[in-house]
Protein backbone atom coordinates (compact mmCIF):
# COMPACT_ATOMS: atom_id res chain seq x y z
CA MET A 1 -0.09 -0.17 -0.07
CA PRO A 2 1.48 3.67 -0.83
CA ASP A 3 2.38 5.33 2.15
CA ASP A 4 1.16 9.12 1.34
CA GLY A 5 -2.06 8.78 2.72
CA PHE A 6 -4.29 9.12 -0.23
CA ASN A 7 -5.70 5.61 0.38
CA SER A 8 -6.65 6.46 3.84
CA ILE A 9 -10.07 6.72 5.22
CA ASP A 10 -9.18 10.34 6.21
CA GLN A 11 -8.60 11.26 2.92
CA ILE A 12 -10.89 9.29 0.90
CA VAL A 13 -13.52 11.32 2.95
CA ALA A 14 -12.03 14.45 2.56
CA THR A 15 -11.70 13.97 -1.34
CA GLN A 16 -15.16 13.31 -1.63
CA LEU A 17 -16.15 16.40 0.67
CA GLU A 18 -13.95 18.52 -1.94
CA ARG A 19 -16.56 18.21 -4.40
CA GLY A 20 -18.71 21.18 -3.21
CA LYS A 21 -20.70 19.62 -0.21
CA ASN A 22 -18.32 19.89 2.62
CA THR A 23 -21.08 20.08 5.05
CA GLU A 24 -21.14 18.76 8.43
CA GLY A 25 -24.30 16.60 7.48
CA ALA A 26 -22.62 15.91 4.41
CA ARG A 27 -19.57 14.83 6.50
CA ARG A 28 -21.48 12.25 8.55
CA ASP A 29 -23.64 10.94 5.23
CA ILE A 30 -19.93 10.02 3.26
CA GLU A 31 -18.75 8.46 6.59
CA PHE A 32 -21.55 6.29 6.92
CA LEU A 33 -21.88 5.26 3.60
CA LEU A 34 -18.19 4.44 3.84
CA GLY A 35 -18.99 2.39 6.99
CA GLU A 36 -21.69 0.31 4.90
CA LEU A 37 -19.48 -0.06 1.97
CA ILE A 38 -16.62 -1.94 4.16
CA GLN A 39 -19.16 -3.38 6.76
CA LYS A 40 -17.82 -1.53 9.52
CA PRO A 41 -20.08 0.97 11.94
CA LEU A 42 -19.79 4.69 11.78
CA SER A 43 -18.03 4.40 15.37
CA TRP A 44 -14.60 2.60 13.45
CA VAL A 45 -14.42 4.48 10.55
CA LEU A 46 -14.25 7.54 12.92
CA THR A 47 -11.30 5.92 14.89
CA HIS A 48 -9.43 4.38 12.11
CA GLY A 49 -9.32 6.84 9.77
CA ASP A 50 -5.46 6.06 8.91
CA VAL A 51 -6.63 2.41 7.59
CA GLU A 52 -5.98 2.43 3.86
CA LEU A 53 -8.76 0.96 1.30
CA SER A 54 -7.81 -0.71 -1.77
CA ASP A 55 -8.34 0.63 -5.75
CA GLY A 56 -11.33 -1.25 -5.74
CA ARG A 57 -12.80 -0.22 -2.54
CA ILE A 58 -11.82 3.29 -3.51
CA LYS A 59 -13.83 3.05 -6.93
CA ASP A 60 -17.18 1.33 -5.49
CA PHE A 61 -16.94 4.34 -2.97
CA SER A 62 -16.68 6.98 -5.63
CA GLY A 63 -19.65 5.41 -7.33
CA TRP A 64 -21.56 5.61 -4.41
CA CYS A 65 -20.55 9.12 -3.46
CA ASP A 66 -21.96 9.86 -7.17
CA ARG A 67 -24.93 8.67 -6.52
CA TYR A 68 -25.12 10.89 -3.42
CA PHE A 69 -24.33 13.94 -5.06
CA ASP A 70 -26.97 13.41 -7.14
CA GLY A 71 -29.60 13.34 -4.45
CA GLU A 72 -30.22 9.62 -4.36
CA PRO A 73 -31.37 8.75 -0.63
CA ILE A 74 -28.74 6.45 1.37
CA GLY A 75 -31.11 3.69 1.81
CA TYR A 76 -30.90 2.97 -2.26
CA ILE A 77 -27.77 3.60 -2.38
CA THR A 78 -27.04 0.53 0.19
CA GLY A 79 -29.96 -0.84 -0.24
CA THR A 80 -30.62 -0.99 3.38
CA GLN A 81 -32.42 1.14 5.60
CA TRP A 82 -32.77 1.24 9.81
CA PHE A 83 -35.81 1.37 11.38
CA TRP A 84 -36.77 0.37 15.01
CA ASN A 85 -33.55 -1.04 15.71
CA ASP A 86 -33.39 -3.32 12.29
CA PRO A 87 -32.15 -3.18 9.25
CA PHE A 88 -34.64 -3.29 6.13
CA LYS A 89 -33.87 -4.11 2.56
CA VAL A 90 -35.19 -1.17 0.35
CA THR A 91 -35.49 -0.82 -3.55
CA PRO A 92 -36.62 1.65 -5.64
CA ASP A 93 -40.14 -0.03 -5.37
CA VAL A 94 -40.74 0.94 -1.61
CA LEU A 95 -40.47 3.99 0.00
CA VAL A 96 -37.56 4.69 2.12
CA PRO A 97 -38.85 4.13 5.76
CA ARG A 98 -38.79 7.29 7.86
CA PRO A 99 -38.27 8.03 11.66
CA GLU A 100 -41.45 9.65 11.87
CA THR A 101 -43.39 6.14 11.26
CA GLU A 102 -41.57 4.85 14.37
CA CYS A 103 -44.21 6.85 16.32
CA VAL A 104 -46.80 4.89 15.11
CA VAL A 105 -45.17 1.24 16.52
CA GLU A 106 -44.75 3.39 19.74
CA PHE A 107 -48.44 4.18 19.66
CA VAL A 108 -49.61 0.58 18.80
CA ILE A 109 -47.12 -1.05 21.29
CA ALA A 110 -48.59 1.30 24.24
CA GLY A 111 -52.23 0.22 23.00
CA VAL A 112 -51.42 -3.12 23.64
CA GLN A 113 -49.88 -2.77 26.81
CA ALA A 114 -53.12 -1.25 27.85
CA ASP A 115 -55.34 -3.39 26.67
CA LYS A 116 -53.85 -7.22 25.76
CA ARG A 117 -57.13 -7.94 23.13
CA LEU A 118 -55.52 -5.90 21.11
CA ALA A 119 -52.36 -7.72 20.37
CA LEU A 120 -54.70 -10.51 18.57
CA ASN A 121 -55.29 -9.57 14.90
CA ILE A 122 -53.16 -6.41 12.78
CA ALA A 123 -53.29 -5.28 9.67
CA ASP A 124 -50.78 -3.46 8.04
CA LEU A 125 -52.08 -1.81 4.70
CA GLY A 126 -49.90 -0.85 2.29
CA THR A 127 -46.83 -1.99 3.97
CA GLY A 128 -44.00 -1.29 1.52
CA SER A 129 -41.12 -2.43 2.48
CA GLY A 130 -42.95 -4.16 5.78
CA ALA A 131 -40.79 -1.69 8.37
CA LEU A 132 -44.10 -0.80 10.08
CA GLY A 133 -46.01 -4.09 10.26
CA LEU A 134 -42.67 -6.20 10.07
CA SER A 135 -41.41 -4.27 13.58
CA LEU A 136 -45.06 -4.75 15.17
CA ALA A 137 -45.12 -8.42 14.70
CA LYS A 138 -41.37 -8.85 16.20
CA GLU A 139 -42.17 -6.41 19.31
CA LEU A 140 -45.26 -8.45 19.37
CA PRO A 141 -44.83 -12.18 19.01
CA ASP A 142 -48.20 -12.96 20.17
CA ALA A 143 -50.24 -10.91 17.73
CA ARG A 144 -50.83 -11.97 14.01
CA LEU A 145 -50.31 -9.81 11.29
CA LEU A 146 -51.32 -9.22 7.85
CA LEU A 147 -49.17 -7.05 5.50
CA THR A 148 -50.87 -5.88 2.13
CA ASP A 149 -49.96 -3.93 -0.50
CA ILE A 150 -51.27 -3.31 -4.13
CA SER A 151 -47.66 -3.98 -5.79
CA THR A 152 -46.18 -7.34 -5.93
CA LYS A 153 -43.07 -5.78 -6.07
CA ALA A 154 -43.07 -4.34 -2.56
CA LEU A 155 -44.88 -7.45 -1.20
CA SER A 156 -41.69 -9.14 -2.22
CA VAL A 157 -39.43 -7.01 -0.33
CA ALA A 158 -41.74 -7.30 2.72
CA ASN A 159 -41.33 -10.61 2.45
CA ALA A 160 -37.43 -10.76 1.99
CA ASN A 161 -37.17 -8.38 5.01
CA ALA A 162 -39.85 -11.13 7.40
CA GLN A 163 -37.37 -13.97 6.39
CA ASN A 164 -34.35 -11.94 6.86
CA LEU A 165 -35.48 -10.81 10.43
CA GLY A 166 -36.81 -14.23 11.27
CA ILE A 167 -40.35 -12.72 11.84
CA GLN A 168 -43.11 -15.77 11.01
CA ASN A 169 -46.05 -14.36 12.45
CA VAL A 170 -47.13 -12.56 9.37
CA GLU A 171 -48.92 -13.39 5.91
CA PHE A 172 -49.05 -11.33 2.36
CA LEU A 173 -51.74 -10.23 0.54
CA GLN A 174 -51.86 -8.04 -2.36
CA SER A 175 -54.43 -5.98 -2.33
CA CYS A 176 -55.74 -2.18 -2.86
CA TRP A 177 -56.68 -1.45 1.08
CA PHE A 178 -59.25 -3.47 2.36
CA ASP A 179 -60.12 -4.21 -1.46
CA GLU A 180 -59.53 -8.02 -1.12
CA LEU A 181 -59.68 -8.66 2.70
CA GLY A 182 -63.05 -10.34 2.31
CA GLY A 183 -64.88 -10.30 5.84
CA ARG A 184 -61.89 -10.08 7.79
CA THR A 185 -61.89 -8.34 11.01
CA PHE A 186 -58.76 -6.67 13.27
CA ASP A 187 -58.00 -5.50 16.65
CA ILE A 188 -55.67 -2.97 15.06
CA VAL A 189 -55.48 -1.82 11.38
CA VAL A 190 -52.37 0.79 10.67
CA ALA A 191 -51.70 2.38 7.34
CA ASN A 192 -49.50 4.45 5.92
CA PRO A 193 -50.49 5.45 2.80
CA PRO A 194 -49.80 8.24 -0.18
CA TYR A 195 -50.93 11.26 1.13
CA VAL A 196 -48.66 14.31 -1.14
CA ALA A 197 -50.67 16.44 -3.54
CA ARG A 198 -49.29 16.46 -6.75
CA GLY A 199 -47.25 19.62 -7.53
CA ASP A 200 -46.54 20.15 -3.47
CA SER A 201 -43.44 21.88 -3.26
CA SER A 202 -42.48 21.07 0.23
CA LEU A 203 -41.65 17.76 -0.96
CA ALA A 204 -38.01 17.30 -1.25
CA GLU A 205 -36.52 16.87 -4.34
CA SER A 206 -34.59 13.62 -3.74
CA VAL A 207 -37.96 11.84 -2.78
CA ALA A 208 -39.73 13.24 -5.71
CA ARG A 209 -36.86 12.19 -8.08
CA PHE A 210 -36.54 8.99 -6.41
CA GLU A 211 -38.89 7.73 -4.90
CA PRO A 212 -42.02 5.55 -6.10
CA GLU A 213 -45.09 7.82 -7.22
CA VAL A 214 -47.25 5.20 -6.19
CA ALA A 215 -46.41 5.23 -2.82
CA LEU A 216 -46.11 9.10 -2.49
CA TYR A 217 -48.91 11.20 -4.43
CA SER A 218 -52.72 10.62 -3.85
CA GLU A 219 -55.14 12.40 -5.94
CA ASP A 220 -57.79 14.67 -4.45
CA SER A 221 -55.57 16.98 -2.71
CA GLY A 222 -53.43 14.07 -1.14
CA TYR A 223 -56.76 12.77 0.18
CA ARG A 224 -58.08 10.12 -1.86
CA ASP A 225 -56.63 7.11 -0.14
CA LEU A 226 -57.33 8.05 2.98
CA LYS A 227 -60.57 8.80 2.19
CA GLN A 228 -61.01 5.49 0.96
CA ILE A 229 -59.49 3.70 3.93
CA ALA A 230 -61.74 5.81 6.18
CA GLY A 231 -64.80 4.92 4.04
CA THR A 232 -64.19 1.38 4.44
CA CYS A 233 -62.20 0.87 7.86
CA ARG A 234 -65.51 0.17 10.13
CA SER A 235 -66.57 -2.69 8.28
CA HIS A 236 -62.91 -4.69 9.03
CA LEU A 237 -62.57 -3.54 12.87
CA ALA A 238 -63.47 -5.33 16.14
CA LYS A 239 -65.46 -4.07 18.32
CA ASN A 240 -63.25 -1.67 20.08
CA GLY A 241 -60.38 -1.81 17.51
CA LEU A 242 -58.30 0.84 16.74
CA VAL A 243 -57.23 2.71 12.86
CA ILE A 244 -53.95 4.82 12.82
CA VAL A 245 -53.00 6.59 9.76
CA GLU A 246 -50.01 8.15 9.12
CA HIS A 247 -50.52 11.68 7.19
CA GLY A 248 -49.16 15.00 6.42
CA PHE A 249 -48.61 17.13 9.10
CA GLN A 250 -51.34 19.56 7.81
CA GLN A 251 -53.86 16.96 7.56
CA ALA A 252 -54.81 16.09 11.00
CA ASP A 253 -58.24 17.90 11.06
CA VAL A 254 -59.59 16.82 7.94
CA VAL A 255 -58.67 13.02 8.56
CA GLN A 256 -60.27 13.55 11.96
CA THR A 257 -63.45 14.53 10.02
CA LEU A 258 -62.96 11.60 7.15
CA PHE A 259 -63.12 9.22 10.28
CA GLU A 260 -66.21 10.61 12.33
CA GLN A 261 -68.01 10.83 9.20
CA ALA A 262 -67.62 7.05 8.66
CA GLU A 263 -68.86 6.54 12.21
CA LEU A 264 -65.57 6.12 14.28
CA GLU A 265 -64.71 7.54 17.33
CA TYR A 266 -61.92 10.16 17.45
CA LEU A 267 -59.10 9.07 19.91
CA CYS A 268 -56.51 11.49 19.20
CA THR A 269 -53.58 12.75 16.78
CA GLY A 270 -49.68 11.86 17.45
CA LYS A 271 -46.71 14.02 16.95
CA ASP A 272 -43.66 12.67 15.00
CA TYR A 273 -40.49 13.61 16.68
CA ALA A 274 -40.12 16.93 15.22
CA GLY A 275 -43.40 18.02 16.89
CA HIS A 276 -45.95 17.75 13.81
CA ASP A 277 -48.83 16.00 13.48
CA ARG A 278 -48.42 12.92 12.12
CA PHE A 279 -50.98 10.12 12.74
CA THR A 280 -54.29 9.89 13.80
CA ALA A 281 -55.90 7.41 15.72
CA CYS A 282 -59.46 6.42 15.80
CA ILE A 283 -61.68 3.36 17.42
CA ASN A 284 -64.98 1.53 16.67
CA SER A 285 -66.61 1.99 19.81
């Protein structure tokens, strides 16, 4: 190996940051990407800056950085996104799991702890990568979860994640919301449906460019899918069953009204880690 340091981790990172995005956030992203490439934790990368890498590794890393500086989400570059303490496989066929969705996991677990009957039967509609439903399945091993999605490719990713994580208390079904569920009822229904209106300027460019449109956008100013779920949810909820839907931070009042019009009792609006309204919970009282 050369002794001039140009193949060292510190120099490799510095070289990439010279490309014009030399911010603290970019540095951490680049260091994280390098760790993922060489299968080392970020803490190791930060403390082994003098370790030198092969030309092949450097070439691979440069390719990853090309994609990063082009705006591609890190989860797609590495093929993995951490959610609720587990690594989830992600592909461009599914949304990259967000930390705010973990708030829904927390809420459901708290509900089950308060009422053990709620651990019986749970549906995760529009599961995507399976991050939400599989995290609940892992935390609630006595529950049985149904994970649905309209996309067969998304279901394939979710199924792979279930196998990778060793989660067995789940089943998968291709369905547009409740369409293929027949007369099945559930103690808890969770959903993170598309809720972004087309043309919404607040959507990050990298999200709009790279993440699947079918999982992002909803017609009717972002409410079409929320309306479909609200309008058909009650017949699939057990007595005192809960429905929890994620939505945009400015949509809480409308979502509450939609479920109340469907004769469900409003329970609460939950906030994400940034303090924004992020999900609405209702009960079939």
